[in-house]
């Protein structure tokens, strides 16, 4: 039988399966659960993001964001406990009866709040997880990261380049090689959609001319697909195309780049870009528009990547050579820690 009001206090830096277990344990005990996410401005993972993660991870709780720059250890300030007591009483809408924690400090915190301490997996026998260890090497602790947290840590690899240079096949094969998810080129699905006239009839079997708004929709769809599939990825996410590619095609095909597409191209972040060279034969396709300008498009891609400071590797040669170069580049990426 659930009774009383509970509290879980944590940094959730980042949230991991141990935190979820703690919160669900607490939620199973009480009528109302308050989860307080305590963050500091100097911490590398934004506090607002951690608060949003916990709201999604523990929807049955009332999640509060505590931004006070409080001391983090009793040795840092003689009034440590009174400072925290005041902060928590200010952020909590009601007194709490039970304090749940996986650390010994929970006993003293409960005493300060006039509550009872409920220890949860103090010896780490249930899950054996440490927040600092997860933060130090999130790729090694991938299984401990909830799906909502994974997009923040996943390494993103993007394939860009001219038409008919093997990007889609490489993306699919790389994803299979690294046992992860890949993001298909959204433009293909968008351009293949049937065009419907007023009244519901198919307007034509021929696609209408492209307009700037088409590229806005393509960029949005690509970004949405990437964010959704980032939750399914295992350490690395392989992306076939990006907003920069969309911007370059907009300039080529309609003579202008919509502001939203340009902004997305400027702000998107990838850990590695694989640039495919046009040194393979062109294979015709109804959705390929620029068969005679592949070298120029390659040169533009390279110039734009360099201008943005994006790390990239050029893939040349036959299929096996391209794949081997790409696999080696991704292996090297996964062996390093993110700055």
Protein backbone atom coordinates (compact mmCIF):
# COMPACT_ATOMS: atom_id res chain seq x y z
CA UNK A 1 0.00 0.00 0.00
CA UNK A 2 1.40 3.39 -1.00
CA UNK A 3 1.44 6.06 1.63
CA UNK A 4 2.99 9.45 2.31
CA UNK A 5 5.16 11.82 0.30
CA UNK A 6 8.61 10.82 -0.93
CA UNK A 7 11.75 12.60 -2.08
CA UNK A 8 14.59 11.58 -4.36
CA UNK A 9 17.41 14.11 -4.67
CA UNK A 10 20.14 13.75 -7.25
CA UNK A 11 22.37 15.36 -9.82
CA UNK A 12 21.43 12.78 -12.46
CA UNK A 13 24.68 13.64 -14.17
CA UNK A 14 23.73 11.83 -16.38
CA UNK A 15 20.67 9.76 -15.49
CA UNK A 16 21.31 6.02 -15.73
CA UNK A 17 19.44 2.79 -15.05
CA UNK A 18 20.36 2.97 -11.38
CA UNK A 19 18.60 6.31 -11.06
CA UNK A 20 15.53 4.95 -12.82
CA UNK A 21 15.48 1.99 -10.43
CA UNK A 22 15.78 4.33 -7.45
CA UNK A 23 12.92 6.53 -8.61
CA UNK A 24 10.65 3.63 -9.53
CA UNK A 25 11.40 1.99 -6.17
CA UNK A 26 10.40 5.22 -4.44
CA UNK A 27 7.30 5.70 -6.59
CA UNK A 28 6.12 2.22 -5.64
CA UNK A 29 6.21 3.21 -1.95
CA UNK A 30 4.49 6.58 -1.80
CA UNK A 31 1.33 8.34 -2.88
CA UNK A 32 3.31 11.29 -4.24
CA UNK A 33 6.94 11.40 -5.24
CA UNK A 34 9.06 14.50 -5.68
CA UNK A 35 12.30 14.21 -7.65
CA UNK A 36 14.70 17.13 -7.29
CA UNK A 37 17.38 17.57 -9.95
CA UNK A 38 20.18 19.62 -8.41
CA UNK A 39 22.48 21.23 -10.96
CA UNK A 40 25.37 23.68 -11.06
CA UNK A 41 26.15 26.16 -13.81
CA UNK A 42 29.69 24.79 -14.25
CA UNK A 43 28.58 21.23 -15.02
CA UNK A 44 29.09 20.11 -18.60
CA UNK A 45 25.69 18.50 -19.18
CA UNK A 46 23.11 21.32 -19.06
CA UNK A 47 20.85 21.25 -16.03
CA UNK A 48 17.74 21.99 -18.05
CA UNK A 49 18.43 18.95 -20.20
CA UNK A 50 18.85 16.68 -17.19
CA UNK A 51 15.59 18.01 -15.75
CA UNK A 52 13.83 17.27 -19.05
CA UNK A 53 15.30 13.76 -19.11
CA UNK A 54 14.01 13.03 -15.62
CA UNK A 55 10.55 14.37 -16.47
CA UNK A 56 10.40 11.81 -19.27
CA UNK A 57 11.97 8.99 -17.27
CA UNK A 58 9.75 9.37 -14.22
CA UNK A 59 6.41 10.70 -15.50
CA UNK A 60 4.64 9.53 -12.35
CA UNK A 61 6.71 11.93 -10.21
CA UNK A 62 6.75 15.69 -9.70
CA UNK A 63 10.19 16.68 -11.03
CA UNK A 64 11.76 19.93 -9.81
CA UNK A 65 14.89 21.72 -11.02
CA UNK A 66 17.07 23.13 -8.22
CA UNK A 67 19.60 25.61 -9.61
CA UNK A 68 21.05 26.91 -6.32
CA UNK A 69 24.86 27.00 -6.33
CA UNK A 70 25.06 24.96 -3.15
CA UNK A 71 28.15 23.29 -1.67
CA UNK A 72 28.49 19.67 -2.76
CA UNK A 73 30.11 18.23 0.34
CA UNK A 74 29.84 19.05 4.07
CA UNK A 75 33.57 19.84 4.10
CA UNK A 76 32.96 22.78 1.75
CA UNK A 77 30.83 24.84 4.12
CA UNK A 78 30.08 24.75 7.86
CA UNK A 79 26.39 25.40 7.16
CA UNK A 80 26.15 22.71 4.48
CA UNK A 81 23.07 20.97 5.86
CA UNK A 82 21.15 24.11 6.71
CA UNK A 83 21.83 25.48 3.21
CA UNK A 84 20.44 22.34 1.60
CA UNK A 85 17.51 22.20 3.98
CA UNK A 86 16.53 25.75 3.04
CA UNK A 87 16.93 25.07 -0.70
CA UNK A 88 14.80 21.94 -0.61
CA UNK A 89 12.08 23.50 1.48
CA UNK A 90 11.89 26.33 -1.00
CA UNK A 91 11.64 24.11 -4.08
CA UNK A 92 9.33 21.46 -2.59
CA UNK A 93 5.63 22.34 -2.44
CA UNK A 94 5.00 20.20 0.66
CA UNK A 95 6.82 18.42 3.49
CA UNK A 96 8.15 14.95 2.74
CA UNK A 97 7.77 11.83 4.86
CA UNK A 98 10.34 9.58 3.22
CA UNK A 99 13.75 10.21 1.65
CA UNK A 100 15.00 7.58 -0.79
CA UNK A 101 18.70 7.44 -1.64
CA UNK A 102 21.45 5.08 -2.73
CA UNK A 103 24.07 7.01 -0.77
CA UNK A 104 24.61 7.17 3.01
CA UNK A 105 23.99 10.94 3.00
CA UNK A 106 20.30 10.12 2.69
CA UNK A 107 20.10 9.36 6.41
CA UNK A 108 21.28 12.83 7.42
CA UNK A 109 19.18 14.51 4.74
CA UNK A 110 16.08 12.73 6.01
CA UNK A 111 16.88 13.87 9.54
CA UNK A 112 17.22 17.48 8.38
CA UNK A 113 13.81 17.31 6.70
CA UNK A 114 12.08 15.51 9.56
CA UNK A 115 11.55 12.44 7.39
CA UNK A 116 12.46 8.74 7.45
CA UNK A 117 15.35 7.42 5.38
CA UNK A 118 14.74 4.51 3.02
CA UNK A 119 18.04 3.09 1.69
CA UNK A 120 17.94 1.73 -1.87
CA UNK A 121 20.77 -0.43 -3.23
CA UNK A 122 23.37 1.25 -1.02
CA UNK A 123 25.93 -1.48 -1.76
CA UNK A 124 25.19 -1.34 -5.51
CA UNK A 125 24.34 -5.05 -5.51
CA UNK A 126 21.27 -4.64 -7.74
CA UNK A 127 22.77 -2.75 -10.67
CA UNK A 128 26.32 -1.83 -9.72
CA UNK A 129 26.22 1.57 -11.39
CA UNK A 130 28.10 4.76 -10.59
CA UNK A 131 27.18 8.11 -12.10
CA UNK A 132 30.80 9.25 -12.24
CA UNK A 133 31.85 6.06 -14.04
CA UNK A 134 29.05 6.43 -16.58
CA UNK A 135 29.99 10.06 -17.15
CA UNK A 136 33.69 9.23 -17.54
CA UNK A 137 33.09 6.69 -20.32
CA UNK A 138 29.49 6.72 -21.56
CA UNK A 139 30.27 4.48 -24.54
CA UNK A 140 31.63 1.76 -22.27
CA UNK A 141 28.53 2.09 -20.09
CA UNK A 142 26.11 2.29 -23.01
CA UNK A 143 23.77 -0.33 -21.61
CA UNK A 144 23.29 1.78 -18.49
CA UNK A 145 22.02 4.79 -20.42
CA UNK A 146 18.24 5.14 -20.84
CA UNK A 147 17.03 5.65 -24.41
CA UNK A 148 16.17 9.30 -23.79
CA UNK A 149 19.76 10.02 -22.71
CA UNK A 150 21.55 8.22 -25.54
CA UNK A 151 21.18 10.93 -28.23
CA UNK A 152 23.33 13.25 -26.11
CA UNK A 153 26.25 10.81 -26.03
CA UNK A 154 25.92 8.97 -29.32
CA UNK A 155 28.70 9.59 -31.84
CA UNK A 156 27.20 10.90 -35.06
CA UNK A 157 28.71 9.97 -38.39
CA UNK A 158 27.33 11.60 -41.53
CA UNK A 159 27.82 10.66 -45.17
CA UNK A 160 27.81 13.51 -47.67
CA UNK A 161 28.85 13.83 -51.27
CA UNK A 162 27.68 13.88 -54.88
CA UNK A 163 24.99 11.64 -56.29
CA UNK A 164 25.66 7.98 -57.05
CA UNK A 165 28.80 7.67 -54.92
CA UNK A 166 27.56 4.91 -52.62
CA UNK A 167 26.40 6.93 -49.61
CA UNK A 168 23.22 4.98 -48.89
CA UNK A 169 24.84 1.57 -49.33
CA UNK A 170 27.75 2.65 -47.14
CA UNK A 171 25.44 4.01 -44.44
CA UNK A 172 23.42 0.80 -44.33
CA UNK A 173 26.52 -1.41 -44.33
CA UNK A 174 28.33 0.64 -41.69
CA UNK A 175 25.31 0.47 -39.41
CA UNK A 176 25.19 -3.30 -39.81
CA UNK A 177 28.94 -3.53 -39.20
CA UNK A 178 28.70 -1.58 -35.93
CA UNK A 179 25.38 -3.14 -34.89
CA UNK A 180 23.62 0.19 -34.72
CA UNK A 181 20.93 2.32 -36.33
CA UNK A 182 21.21 4.40 -39.47
CA UNK A 183 19.21 7.38 -40.72
CA UNK A 184 18.01 7.08 -44.33
CA UNK A 185 18.00 10.09 -46.60
CA UNK A 186 14.62 11.71 -45.96
CA UNK A 187 14.63 13.49 -49.32
CA UNK A 188 14.01 10.17 -51.07
CA UNK A 189 10.81 9.49 -49.14
CA UNK A 190 9.69 13.10 -49.49
CA UNK A 191 10.21 13.25 -53.25
CA UNK A 192 8.57 9.86 -53.77
CA UNK A 193 5.33 10.79 -52.01
CA UNK A 194 2.20 10.85 -54.22
CA UNK A 195 0.93 14.34 -55.01
CA UNK A 196 -2.76 14.71 -54.21
CA UNK A 197 -4.99 17.30 -55.88
CA UNK A 198 -7.95 19.02 -54.16
CA UNK A 199 -10.70 16.44 -53.81
CA UNK A 200 -8.30 13.61 -53.05
CA UNK A 201 -7.35 12.43 -56.54
CA UNK A 202 -3.73 11.91 -57.51
CA UNK A 203 -2.60 15.11 -59.17
CA UNK A 204 -0.10 13.55 -61.54
CA UNK A 205 2.38 10.77 -61.86
CA UNK A 206 4.99 13.44 -62.56
CA UNK A 207 6.37 15.28 -59.51
CA UNK A 208 5.85 19.05 -59.56
CA UNK A 209 8.85 21.37 -59.83
CA UNK A 210 10.77 21.81 -56.60
CA UNK A 211 10.30 25.04 -54.64
CA UNK A 212 12.25 26.43 -51.66
CA UNK A 213 9.68 25.18 -49.16
CA UNK A 214 10.35 21.62 -50.27
CA UNK A 215 13.87 21.90 -48.90
CA UNK A 216 12.58 23.21 -45.57
CA UNK A 217 10.38 20.12 -45.24
CA UNK A 218 13.25 17.86 -46.25
CA UNK A 219 15.59 19.42 -43.67
CA UNK A 220 12.97 19.13 -40.93
CA UNK A 221 12.25 15.52 -41.81
CA UNK A 222 15.93 14.61 -41.87
CA UNK A 223 16.51 16.20 -38.45
CA UNK A 224 13.41 14.60 -36.93
CA UNK A 225 14.40 11.18 -38.23
CA UNK A 226 17.92 11.61 -36.88
CA UNK A 227 16.74 12.54 -33.40
CA UNK A 228 14.24 9.69 -33.25
CA UNK A 229 16.74 7.09 -34.41
CA UNK A 230 19.46 8.40 -32.09
CA UNK A 231 17.53 6.73 -29.27
CA UNK A 232 17.88 3.39 -31.05
CA UNK A 233 21.59 3.72 -31.81
CA UNK A 234 24.34 1.74 -30.16
CA UNK A 235 27.25 4.11 -29.50
CA UNK A 236 27.32 5.47 -33.07
CA UNK A 237 24.57 6.74 -35.37
CA UNK A 238 25.17 6.63 -39.13
CA UNK A 239 23.37 9.38 -41.06
CA UNK A 240 22.79 9.32 -44.81
CA UNK A 241 22.67 13.07 -45.58
CA UNK A 242 22.29 16.17 -43.42
CA UNK A 243 21.10 19.78 -43.55
CA UNK A 244 24.29 20.90 -45.29
CA UNK A 245 23.54 18.53 -48.16
CA UNK A 246 19.98 19.86 -48.29
CA UNK A 247 21.28 23.43 -48.43
CA UNK A 248 23.67 22.62 -51.27
CA UNK A 249 20.92 20.97 -53.31
CA UNK A 250 18.58 23.89 -52.66
CA UNK A 251 21.18 26.27 -54.06
CA UNK A 252 21.76 24.04 -57.09
CA UNK A 253 18.13 23.29 -57.91
CA UNK A 254 16.13 26.39 -56.93
CA UNK A 255 18.87 29.00 -56.69
CA UNK A 256 18.34 29.90 -53.03
CA UNK A 257 18.75 28.41 -49.56
CA UNK A 258 15.83 29.00 -47.17
CA UNK A 259 16.93 30.64 -43.92
CA UNK A 260 15.82 27.69 -41.80
CA UNK A 261 17.81 25.25 -43.91
CA UNK A 262 20.89 27.48 -43.73
CA UNK A 263 20.59 27.72 -39.96
CA UNK A 264 20.26 23.97 -39.61
CA UNK A 265 23.31 23.49 -41.81
CA UNK A 266 25.32 25.89 -39.65
CA UNK A 267 24.27 24.45 -36.28
CA UNK A 268 24.18 20.69 -36.90
CA UNK A 269 27.00 18.84 -35.17
CA UNK A 270 28.63 15.60 -36.28
CA UNK A 271 31.63 13.84 -34.79
CA UNK A 272 32.77 12.60 -38.19
CA UNK A 273 31.77 13.24 -41.79
CA UNK A 274 32.52 10.76 -44.56
CA UNK A 275 32.81 12.58 -47.90
CA UNK A 276 32.34 10.32 -50.92
CA UNK A 277 34.41 11.16 -54.00
CA UNK A 278 32.88 10.96 -57.51
CA UNK A 279 35.45 8.47 -58.83
CA UNK A 280 32.89 5.72 -59.46
CA UNK A 281 30.47 5.40 -62.41
CA UNK A 282 27.20 7.29 -62.29
CA UNK A 283 24.09 5.09 -62.00
CA UNK A 284 20.92 6.83 -63.29
CA UNK A 285 17.97 7.18 -60.92
CA UNK A 286 14.75 9.24 -61.21
CA UNK A 287 15.69 11.14 -58.04
CA UNK A 288 19.19 12.07 -59.19
CA UNK A 289 19.44 15.54 -60.66
CA UNK A 290 23.10 16.44 -61.24
CA UNK A 291 24.94 13.69 -63.13
CA UNK A 292 27.32 16.08 -64.92
CA UNK A 293 28.33 18.25 -61.97
CA UNK A 294 29.46 15.63 -59.46
CA UNK A 295 33.04 16.90 -59.20
CA UNK A 296 31.87 20.47 -58.69
CA UNK A 297 29.38 19.31 -56.05
CA UNK A 298 32.15 17.33 -54.33
CA UNK A 299 34.38 20.41 -54.29
CA UNK A 300 31.57 22.48 -52.78
CA UNK A 301 30.93 19.86 -50.10
CA UNK A 302 34.61 19.82 -49.19
CA UNK A 303 34.83 23.61 -49.07
CA UNK A 304 31.75 23.88 -46.86
CA UNK A 305 33.00 21.18 -44.47
CA UNK A 306 36.35 22.95 -44.18
CA UNK A 307 34.68 26.32 -43.63
CA UNK A 308 32.64 24.86 -40.76
CA UNK A 309 35.58 23.06 -39.19
CA UNK A 310 33.88 19.68 -39.50
CA UNK A 311 36.16 16.67 -39.17
CA UNK A 312 35.91 14.62 -42.34
CA UNK A 313 37.52 11.75 -44.21
CA UNK A 314 37.35 11.40 -48.00
CA UNK A 315 36.27 7.99 -49.29
CA UNK A 316 37.82 7.06 -52.64
CA UNK A 317 38.30 4.00 -54.78
CA UNK A 318 36.08 0.99 -55.30
CA UNK A 319 33.38 -0.21 -52.93
CA UNK A 320 35.70 -2.33 -50.77
CA UNK A 321 38.22 0.49 -50.44
CA UNK A 322 35.53 2.97 -49.43
CA UNK A 323 34.04 0.63 -46.88
CA UNK A 324 37.43 -0.21 -45.36
CA UNK A 325 38.34 3.48 -45.05
CA UNK A 326 34.96 4.27 -43.51
CA UNK A 327 35.15 1.41 -41.00
CA UNK A 328 38.65 2.41 -39.94
CA UNK A 329 37.55 6.02 -39.46
CA UNK A 330 34.58 5.02 -37.31
CA UNK A 331 36.74 2.63 -35.27
CA UNK A 332 39.18 5.47 -34.61
CA UNK A 333 36.32 7.75 -33.60
CA UNK A 334 34.94 5.25 -31.10
CA UNK A 335 38.37 4.71 -29.55
CA UNK A 336 38.65 8.36 -28.51
CA UNK A 337 36.88 10.33 -25.82
CA UNK A 338 34.79 13.29 -26.83
CA UNK A 339 36.35 16.65 -25.81
